[in-house]
Amino acid sequence: LIDSHTNRNKLVPACVTPVSANMEVMTHTLNAITARRMAV
């Protein structure tokens, strides 16, 4: 999840996180891919 105001992005599980208005999501950033690899 991209927070353009604070630059404090965070990782969330897509399967349980509901979409909200004006949300900004990046699905394949380095952080997201690294987290997935580490989980596996």
All heavy atoms as atom14 arrays in JSON, in Angstrom:
{
  "sequence": "LIDSHTNRNKLVPACVTPVSANMEVMTHTLNAITARRMAV",
  "atom14_mask": [
    [1, 1, 1, 1, 1, 1, 1, 1, 0, 0, 0, 0, 0, 0],
    [1, 1, 1, 1, 1, 1, 1, 1, 0, 0, 0, 0, 0, 0],
    [1, 1, 1, 1, 1, 1, 1, 1, 0, 0, 0, 0, 0, 0],
    [1, 1, 1, 1, 1, 1, 0, 0, 0, 0, 0, 0, 0, 0],
    [1, 1, 1, 1, 1, 1, 1, 1, 1, 1, 0, 0, 0, 0],
    [1, 1, 1, 1, 1, 1, 1, 0, 0, 0, 0, 0, 0, 0],
    [1, 1, 1, 1, 1, 1, 1, 1, 0, 0, 0, 0, 0, 0],
    [1, 1, 1, 1, 1, 1, 1, 1, 1, 1, 1, 0, 0, 0],
    [1, 1, 1, 1, 1, 1, 1, 1, 0, 0, 0, 0, 0, 0],
    [1, 1, 1, 1, 1, 1, 1, 1, 1, 0, 0, 0, 0, 0],
    [1, 1, 1, 1, 1, 1, 1, 1, 0, 0, 0, 0, 0, 0],
    [1, 1, 1, 1, 1, 1, 1, 0, 0, 0, 0, 0, 0, 0],
    [1, 1, 1, 1, 1, 1, 1, 0, 0, 0, 0, 0, 0, 0],
    [1, 1, 1, 1, 1, 0, 0, 0, 0, 0, 0, 0, 0, 0],
    [1, 1, 1, 1, 1, 1, 0, 0, 0, 0, 0, 0, 0, 0],
    [1, 1, 1, 1, 1, 1, 1, 0, 0, 0, 0, 0, 0, 0],
    [1, 1, 1, 1, 1, 1, 1, 0, 0, 0, 0, 0, 0, 0],
    [1, 1, 1, 1, 1, 1, 1, 0, 0, 0, 0, 0, 0, 0],
    [1, 1, 1, 1, 1, 1, 1, 0, 0, 0, 0, 0, 0, 0],
    [1, 1, 1, 1, 1, 1, 0, 0, 0, 0, 0, 0, 0, 0],
    [1, 1, 1, 1, 1, 0, 0, 0, 0, 0, 0, 0, 0, 0],
    [1, 1, 1, 1, 1, 1, 1, 1, 0, 0, 0, 0, 0, 0],
    [1, 1, 1, 1, 1, 1, 1, 1, 0, 0, 0, 0, 0, 0],
    [1, 1, 1, 1, 1, 1, 1, 1, 1, 0, 0, 0, 0, 0],
    [1, 1, 1, 1, 1, 1, 1, 0, 0, 0, 0, 0, 0, 0],
    [1, 1, 1, 1, 1, 1, 1, 1, 0, 0, 0, 0, 0, 0],
    [1, 1, 1, 1, 1, 1, 1, 0, 0, 0, 0, 0, 0, 0],
    [1, 1, 1, 1, 1, 1, 1, 1, 1, 1, 0, 0, 0, 0],
    [1, 1, 1, 1, 1, 1, 1, 0, 0, 0, 0, 0, 0, 0],
    [1, 1, 1, 1, 1, 1, 1, 1, 0, 0, 0, 0, 0, 0],
    [1, 1, 1, 1, 1, 1, 1, 1, 0, 0, 0, 0, 0, 0],
    [1, 1, 1, 1, 1, 0, 0, 0, 0, 0, 0, 0, 0, 0],
    [1, 1, 1, 1, 1, 1, 1, 1, 0, 0, 0, 0, 0, 0],
    [1, 1, 1, 1, 1, 1, 1, 0, 0, 0, 0, 0, 0, 0],
    [1, 1, 1, 1, 1, 0, 0, 0, 0, 0, 0, 0, 0, 0],
    [1, 1, 1, 1, 1, 1, 1, 1, 1, 1, 1, 0, 0, 0],
    [1, 1, 1, 1, 1, 1, 1, 1, 1, 1, 1, 0, 0, 0],
    [1, 1, 1, 1, 1, 1, 1, 1, 0, 0, 0, 0, 0, 0],
    [1, 1, 1, 1, 1, 0, 0, 0, 0, 0, 0, 0, 0, 0],
    [1, 1, 1, 1, 1, 1, 1, 0, 0, 0, 0, 0, 0, 0]
  ],
  "atom14_positions": [
    [[0.85, -1.19, 0.0], [0.0, 0.0, 0.0], [0.88, 1.23, 0.0], [1.8, 1.36, 0.83], [-0.91, 0.01, 1.23], [-1.98, -1.08, 1.33], [-2.91, -0.79, 2.51], [-2.8, -1.17, 0.05], [0.0, 0.0, 0.0], [0.0, 0.0, 0.0], [0.0, 0.0, 0.0], [0.0, 0.0, 0.0], [0.0, 0.0, 0.0], [0.0, 0.0, 0.0]],
    [[0.6, 2.14, -0.91], [1.43, 3.33, -1.09], [0.8, 4.5, -0.34], [-0.39, 4.82, -0.54], [1.58, 3.7, -2.57], [2.07, 2.47, -3.37], [2.51, 4.88, -2.74], [3.41, 1.93, -2.93], [0.0, 0.0, 0.0], [0.0, 0.0, 0.0], [0.0, 0.0, 0.0], [0.0, 0.0, 0.0], [0.0, 0.0, 0.0], [0.0, 0.0, 0.0]],
    [[1.58, 5.1, 0.53], [1.13, 6.31, 1.23], [1.99, 7.47, 0.74], [3.11, 7.68, 1.21], [1.27, 6.13, 2.74], [0.61, 7.27, 3.52], [0.51, 8.38, 2.96], [0.21, 7.04, 4.67], [0.0, 0.0, 0.0], [0.0, 0.0, 0.0], [0.0, 0.0, 0.0], [0.0, 0.0, 0.0], [0.0, 0.0, 0.0], [0.0, 0.0, 0.0]],
    [[1.48, 8.2, -0.23], [2.27, 9.26, -0.86], [2.46, 10.47, 0.05], [3.33, 11.31, -0.2], [1.59, 9.71, -2.17], [0.25, 10.13, -1.92], [0.0, 0.0, 0.0], [0.0, 0.0, 0.0], [0.0, 0.0, 0.0], [0.0, 0.0, 0.0], [0.0, 0.0, 0.0], [0.0, 0.0, 0.0], [0.0, 0.0, 0.0], [0.0, 0.0, 0.0]],
    [[1.65, 10.58, 1.11], [1.76, 11.72, 2.01], [2.9, 11.54, 3.02], [3.65, 12.49, 3.3], [0.44, 11.92, 2.75], [-0.71, 12.21, 1.85], [-0.81, 13.37, 1.1], [-1.82, 11.48, 1.54], [-1.91, 13.35, 0.38], [-2.55, 12.21, 0.63], [0.0, 0.0, 0.0], [0.0, 0.0, 0.0], [0.0, 0.0, 0.0], [0.0, 0.0, 0.0]],
    [[3.04, 10.34, 3.56], [4.05, 10.12, 4.6], [5.23, 9.29, 4.12], [6.23, 9.18, 4.82], [3.41, 9.41, 5.8], [2.99, 8.1, 5.39], [2.22, 10.19, 6.34], [0.0, 0.0, 0.0], [0.0, 0.0, 0.0], [0.0, 0.0, 0.0], [0.0, 0.0, 0.0], [0.0, 0.0, 0.0], [0.0, 0.0, 0.0], [0.0, 0.0, 0.0]],
    [[5.07, 8.7, 2.92], [6.09, 7.79, 2.4], [6.31, 6.58, 3.31], [7.36, 5.96, 3.3], [7.43, 8.52, 2.17], [7.34, 9.48, 1.0], [6.69, 9.18, 0.0], [7.99, 10.63, 1.14], [0.0, 0.0, 0.0], [0.0, 0.0, 0.0], [0.0, 0.0, 0.0], [0.0, 0.0, 0.0], [0.0, 0.0, 0.0], [0.0, 0.0, 0.0]],
    [[5.29, 6.28, 4.11], [5.36, 5.1, 4.99], [4.47, 4.01, 4.38], [3.37, 3.75, 4.83], [4.91, 5.44, 6.4], [5.85, 6.41, 7.11], [5.33, 6.76, 8.49], [6.21, 7.69, 9.18], [5.95, 8.22, 10.37], [4.82, 7.92, 11.0], [6.81, 9.06, 10.93], [0.0, 0.0, 0.0], [0.0, 0.0, 0.0], [0.0, 0.0, 0.0]],
    [[4.99, 3.38, 3.39], [4.24, 2.3, 2.74], [4.18, 1.09, 3.67], [5.02, 0.92, 4.56], [4.91, 1.92, 1.43], [4.97, 3.07, 0.47], [4.28, 4.08, 0.64], [5.81, 2.94, -0.55], [0.0, 0.0, 0.0], [0.0, 0.0, 0.0], [0.0, 0.0, 0.0], [0.0, 0.0, 0.0], [0.0, 0.0, 0.0], [0.0, 0.0, 0.0]],
    [[3.21, 0.22, 3.43], [3.11, -0.98, 4.26], [2.67, -2.17, 3.41], [1.97, -2.03, 2.4], [2.17, -0.78, 5.43], [0.72, -0.53, 5.07], [-0.11, -0.37, 6.33], [-1.58, -0.11, 6.0], [-2.41, 0.03, 7.23], [0.0, 0.0, 0.0], [0.0, 0.0, 0.0], [0.0, 0.0, 0.0], [0.0, 0.0, 0.0], [0.0, 0.0, 0.0]],
    [[3.07, -3.35, 3.85], [2.7, -4.6, 3.19], [1.44, -5.16, 3.84], [1.34, -5.2, 5.08], [3.83, -5.62, 3.29], [5.12, -5.26, 2.54], [6.24, -6.21, 2.91], [4.88, -5.29, 1.03], [0.0, 0.0, 0.0], [0.0, 0.0, 0.0], [0.0, 0.0, 0.0], [0.0, 0.0, 0.0], [0.0, 0.0, 0.0], [0.0, 0.0, 0.0]],
    [[0.5, -5.62, 3.02], [-0.74, -6.21, 3.53], [-1.07, -7.46, 2.71], [-0.71, -7.55, 1.53], [-1.92, -5.22, 3.46], [-1.67, -4.01, 4.34], [-2.21, -4.81, 2.03], [0.0, 0.0, 0.0], [0.0, 0.0, 0.0], [0.0, 0.0, 0.0], [0.0, 0.0, 0.0], [0.0, 0.0, 0.0], [0.0, 0.0, 0.0], [0.0, 0.0, 0.0]],
    [[-1.77, -8.43, 3.3], [-2.21, -9.6, 2.53], [-3.41, -9.24, 1.65], [-4.43, -8.76, 2.14], [-2.58, -10.62, 3.61], [-2.92, -9.8, 4.81], [-2.07, -8.57, 4.75], [0.0, 0.0, 0.0], [0.0, 0.0, 0.0], [0.0, 0.0, 0.0], [0.0, 0.0, 0.0], [0.0, 0.0, 0.0], [0.0, 0.0, 0.0], [0.0, 0.0, 0.0]],
    [[-3.29, -9.47, 0.37], [-4.33, -9.06, -0.57], [-5.62, -9.84, -0.38], [-6.7, -9.35, -0.72], [-3.83, -9.24, -2.0], [0.0, 0.0, 0.0], [0.0, 0.0, 0.0], [0.0, 0.0, 0.0], [0.0, 0.0, 0.0], [0.0, 0.0, 0.0], [0.0, 0.0, 0.0], [0.0, 0.0, 0.0], [0.0, 0.0, 0.0], [0.0, 0.0, 0.0]],
    [[-5.54, -11.07, 0.16], [-6.73, -11.92, 0.21], [-7.73, -11.46, 1.27], [-8.92, -11.82, 1.18], [-6.34, -13.37, 0.46], [-5.65, -13.7, 2.1], [0.0, 0.0, 0.0], [0.0, 0.0, 0.0], [0.0, 0.0, 0.0], [0.0, 0.0, 0.0], [0.0, 0.0, 0.0], [0.0, 0.0, 0.0], [0.0, 0.0, 0.0], [0.0, 0.0, 0.0]],
    [[-7.3, -10.69, 2.26], [-8.23, -10.27, 3.32], [-8.33, -8.76, 3.46], [-9.1, -8.26, 4.28], [-7.84, -10.88, 4.68], [-8.0, -12.38, 4.68], [-6.43, -10.47, 5.08], [0.0, 0.0, 0.0], [0.0, 0.0, 0.0], [0.0, 0.0, 0.0], [0.0, 0.0, 0.0], [0.0, 0.0, 0.0], [0.0, 0.0, 0.0], [0.0, 0.0, 0.0]],
    [[-7.59, -8.01, 2.69], [-7.6, -6.55, 2.81], [-8.61, -5.97, 1.83], [-8.47, -6.1, 0.61], [-6.21, -5.96, 2.51], [-5.25, -6.55, 3.38], [-6.23, -4.45, 2.71], [0.0, 0.0, 0.0], [0.0, 0.0, 0.0], [0.0, 0.0, 0.0], [0.0, 0.0, 0.0], [0.0, 0.0, 0.0], [0.0, 0.0, 0.0], [0.0, 0.0, 0.0]],
    [[-9.67, -5.33, 2.34], [-10.69, -4.77, 1.43], [-10.17, -3.51, 0.74], [-9.38, -2.75, 1.3], [-11.86, -4.46, 2.36], [-11.25, -4.27, 3.71], [-10.05, -5.17, 3.76], [0.0, 0.0, 0.0], [0.0, 0.0, 0.0], [0.0, 0.0, 0.0], [0.0, 0.0, 0.0], [0.0, 0.0, 0.0], [0.0, 0.0, 0.0], [0.0, 0.0, 0.0]],
    [[-10.65, -3.34, -0.47], [-10.33, -2.12, -1.21], [-11.09, -0.95, -0.58], [-12.25, -1.09, -0.2], [-10.73, -2.26, -2.69], [-10.57, -0.93, -3.42], [-9.91, -3.34, -3.36], [0.0, 0.0, 0.0], [0.0, 0.0, 0.0], [0.0, 0.0, 0.0], [0.0, 0.0, 0.0], [0.0, 0.0, 0.0], [0.0, 0.0, 0.0], [0.0, 0.0, 0.0]],
    [[-10.43, 0.2, -0.46], [-11.11, 1.4, 0.03], [-10.92, 2.53, -0.99], [-10.02, 2.48, -1.83], [-10.55, 1.83, 1.39], [-9.16, 2.11, 1.3], [0.0, 0.0, 0.0], [0.0, 0.0, 0.0], [0.0, 0.0, 0.0], [0.0, 0.0, 0.0], [0.0, 0.0, 0.0], [0.0, 0.0, 0.0], [0.0, 0.0, 0.0], [0.0, 0.0, 0.0]],
    [[-11.78, 3.5, -0.9], [-11.74, 4.6, -1.86], [-10.4, 5.31, -1.8], [-9.86, 5.57, -0.72], [-12.87, 5.58, -1.56], [0.0, 0.0, 0.0], [0.0, 0.0, 0.0], [0.0, 0.0, 0.0], [0.0, 0.0, 0.0], [0.0, 0.0, 0.0], [0.0, 0.0, 0.0], [0.0, 0.0, 0.0], [0.0, 0.0, 0.0], [0.0, 0.0, 0.0]],
    [[-9.85, 5.59, -2.97], [-8.59, 6.33, -3.14], [-7.37, 5.55, -2.66], [-6.28, 6.12, -2.58], [-8.67, 7.68, -2.42], [-9.81, 8.53, -2.94], [-10.03, 8.62, -4.15], [-10.56, 9.14, -2.03], [0.0, 0.0, 0.0], [0.0, 0.0, 0.0], [0.0, 0.0, 0.0], [0.0, 0.0, 0.0], [0.0, 0.0, 0.0], [0.0, 0.0, 0.0]],
    [[-7.54, 4.28, -2.35], [-6.39, 3.44, -1.99], [-5.45, 3.33, -3.19], [-5.89, 3.32, -4.34], [-6.89, 2.05, -1.57], [-5.78, 1.04, -1.29], [-6.47, -0.61, -0.97], [-7.0, -0.44, 0.72], [0.0, 0.0, 0.0], [0.0, 0.0, 0.0], [0.0, 0.0, 0.0], [0.0, 0.0, 0.0], [0.0, 0.0, 0.0], [0.0, 0.0, 0.0]],
    [[-4.15, 3.26, -2.92], [-3.17, 3.03, -3.97], [-2.38, 1.76, -3.65], [-1.78, 1.65, -2.57], [-2.22, 4.22, -4.1], [-1.26, 4.09, -5.28], [-0.41, 5.33, -5.51], [-0.69, 6.37, -4.87], [0.52, 5.26, -6.34], [0.0, 0.0, 0.0], [0.0, 0.0, 0.0], [0.0, 0.0, 0.0], [0.0, 0.0, 0.0], [0.0, 0.0, 0.0]],
    [[-2.41, 0.79, -4.58], [-1.8, -0.52, -4.37], [-0.79, -0.79, -5.48], [-1.07, -0.56, -6.66], [-2.88, -1.63, -4.38], [-2.23, -3.0, -4.17], [-3.95, -1.37, -3.36], [0.0, 0.0, 0.0], [0.0, 0.0, 0.0], [0.0, 0.0, 0.0], [0.0, 0.0, 0.0], [0.0, 0.0, 0.0], [0.0, 0.0, 0.0], [0.0, 0.0, 0.0]],
    [[0.36, -1.32, -5.07], [1.34, -1.83, -6.03], [1.52, -3.32, -5.73], [1.81, -3.7, -4.6], [2.66, -1.09, -5.92], [2.58, 0.4, -6.26], [2.11, 0.72, -7.99], [3.6, 0.22, -8.83], [0.0, 0.0, 0.0], [0.0, 0.0, 0.0], [0.0, 0.0, 0.0], [0.0, 0.0, 0.0], [0.0, 0.0, 0.0], [0.0, 0.0, 0.0]],
    [[1.31, -4.15, -6.75], [1.29, -5.6, -6.5], [2.64, -6.27, -6.67], [2.84, -7.39, -6.19], [0.28, -6.28, -7.44], [0.7, -6.12, -8.8], [-1.12, -5.7, -7.26], [0.0, 0.0, 0.0], [0.0, 0.0, 0.0], [0.0, 0.0, 0.0], [0.0, 0.0, 0.0], [0.0, 0.0, 0.0], [0.0, 0.0, 0.0], [0.0, 0.0, 0.0]],
    [[3.58, -5.64, -7.37], [4.84, -6.34, -7.65], [6.05, -5.45, -7.41], [7.01, -5.41, -8.2], [4.84, -6.86, -9.1], [3.86, -7.95, -9.33], [2.52, -7.72, -9.59], [4.01, -9.3, -9.3], [1.89, -8.88, -9.72], [2.78, -9.85, -9.56], [0.0, 0.0, 0.0], [0.0, 0.0, 0.0], [0.0, 0.0, 0.0], [0.0, 0.0, 0.0]],
    [[6.03, -4.72, -6.3], [7.22, -3.96, -5.9], [8.27, -4.92, -5.36], [7.99, -6.08, -5.05], [6.87, -2.93, -4.82], [6.42, -3.63, -3.65], [5.78, -1.98, -5.28], [0.0, 0.0, 0.0], [0.0, 0.0, 0.0], [0.0, 0.0, 0.0], [0.0, 0.0, 0.0], [0.0, 0.0, 0.0], [0.0, 0.0, 0.0], [0.0, 0.0, 0.0]],
    [[9.48, -4.42, -5.21], [10.56, -5.25, -4.67], [10.2, -5.72, -3.26], [10.47, -6.88, -2.89], [11.86, -4.46, -4.65], [13.09, -5.19, -4.09], [13.38, -6.45, -4.9], [14.3, -4.27, -4.05], [0.0, 0.0, 0.0], [0.0, 0.0, 0.0], [0.0, 0.0, 0.0], [0.0, 0.0, 0.0], [0.0, 0.0, 0.0], [0.0, 0.0, 0.0]],
    [[9.6, -4.84, -2.45], [9.2, -5.23, -1.09], [8.19, -6.38, -1.11], [8.29, -7.33, -0.32], [8.62, -4.03, -0.34], [9.67, -3.05, 0.1], [10.84, -3.39, 0.2], [9.26, -1.81, 0.36], [0.0, 0.0, 0.0], [0.0, 0.0, 0.0], [0.0, 0.0, 0.0], [0.0, 0.0, 0.0], [0.0, 0.0, 0.0], [0.0, 0.0, 0.0]],
    [[7.19, -6.27, -1.99], [6.16, -7.31, -2.06], [6.74, -8.64, -2.53], [6.46, -9.7, -1.94], [5.04, -6.87, -2.99], [0.0, 0.0, 0.0], [0.0, 0.0, 0.0], [0.0, 0.0, 0.0], [0.0, 0.0, 0.0], [0.0, 0.0, 0.0], [0.0, 0.0, 0.0], [0.0, 0.0, 0.0], [0.0, 0.0, 0.0], [0.0, 0.0, 0.0]],
    [[7.56, -8.6, -3.56], [8.15, -9.84, -4.09], [9.08, -10.47, -3.06], [9.08, -11.69, -2.86], [8.89, -9.55, -5.41], [7.88, -9.16, -6.5], [9.72, -10.75, -5.85], [8.52, -8.69, -7.79], [0.0, 0.0, 0.0], [0.0, 0.0, 0.0], [0.0, 0.0, 0.0], [0.0, 0.0, 0.0], [0.0, 0.0, 0.0], [0.0, 0.0, 0.0]],
    [[9.85, -9.65, -2.37], [10.76, -10.17, -1.35], [9.97, -10.82, -0.21], [10.35, -11.9, 0.29], [11.65, -9.04, -0.8], [12.4, -8.47, -1.87], [12.59, -9.57, 0.26], [0.0, 0.0, 0.0], [0.0, 0.0, 0.0], [0.0, 0.0, 0.0], [0.0, 0.0, 0.0], [0.0, 0.0, 0.0], [0.0, 0.0, 0.0], [0.0, 0.0, 0.0]],
    [[8.88, -10.2, 0.19], [8.05, -10.77, 1.26], [7.46, -12.11, 0.85], [7.4, -13.06, 1.64], [6.94, -9.79, 1.63], [0.0, 0.0, 0.0], [0.0, 0.0, 0.0], [0.0, 0.0, 0.0], [0.0, 0.0, 0.0], [0.0, 0.0, 0.0], [0.0, 0.0, 0.0], [0.0, 0.0, 0.0], [0.0, 0.0, 0.0], [0.0, 0.0, 0.0]],
    [[7.02, -12.2, -0.38], [6.45, -13.46, -0.87], [7.51, -14.57, -0.88], [7.26, -15.69, -0.44], [5.88, -13.28, -2.28], [4.68, -12.38, -2.35], [4.34, -12.05, -3.79], [3.37, -10.97, -3.88], [3.07, -10.33, -5.0], [3.67, -10.66, -6.14], [2.17, -9.36, -4.99], [0.0, 0.0, 0.0], [0.0, 0.0, 0.0], [0.0, 0.0, 0.0]],
    [[8.67, -14.24, -1.4], [9.74, -15.23, -1.45], [10.12, -15.68, -0.06], [10.33, -16.88, 0.18], [10.98, -14.63, -2.16], [10.82, -14.48, -3.66], [12.03, -13.78, -4.24], [13.27, -14.46, -3.91], [13.81, -15.44, -4.62], [13.24, -15.82, -5.75], [14.94, -16.01, -4.25], [0.0, 0.0, 0.0], [0.0, 0.0, 0.0], [0.0, 0.0, 0.0]],
    [[10.2, -14.76, 0.87], [10.58, -15.12, 2.23], [9.52, -16.02, 2.87], [9.85, -16.98, 3.57], [10.79, -13.86, 3.08], [11.27, -14.15, 4.49], [11.69, -12.65, 5.41], [13.11, -12.09, 4.49], [0.0, 0.0, 0.0], [0.0, 0.0, 0.0], [0.0, 0.0, 0.0], [0.0, 0.0, 0.0], [0.0, 0.0, 0.0], [0.0, 0.0, 0.0]],
    [[8.24, -15.71, 2.6], [7.18, -16.54, 3.16], [7.29, -17.98, 2.66], [7.16, -18.94, 3.43], [5.81, -15.96, 2.8], [0.0, 0.0, 0.0], [0.0, 0.0, 0.0], [0.0, 0.0, 0.0], [0.0, 0.0, 0.0], [0.0, 0.0, 0.0], [0.0, 0.0, 0.0], [0.0, 0.0, 0.0], [0.0, 0.0, 0.0], [0.0, 0.0, 0.0]],
    [[7.55, -18.14, 1.38], [7.66, -19.49, 0.81], [8.93, -20.17, 1.31], [8.92, -21.37, 1.62], [7.62, -19.42, -0.73], [7.92, -20.78, -1.34], [6.27, -18.91, -1.2], [0.0, 0.0, 0.0], [0.0, 0.0, 0.0], [0.0, 0.0, 0.0], [0.0, 0.0, 0.0], [0.0, 0.0, 0.0], [0.0, 0.0, 0.0], [0.0, 0.0, 0.0]]
  ]
}
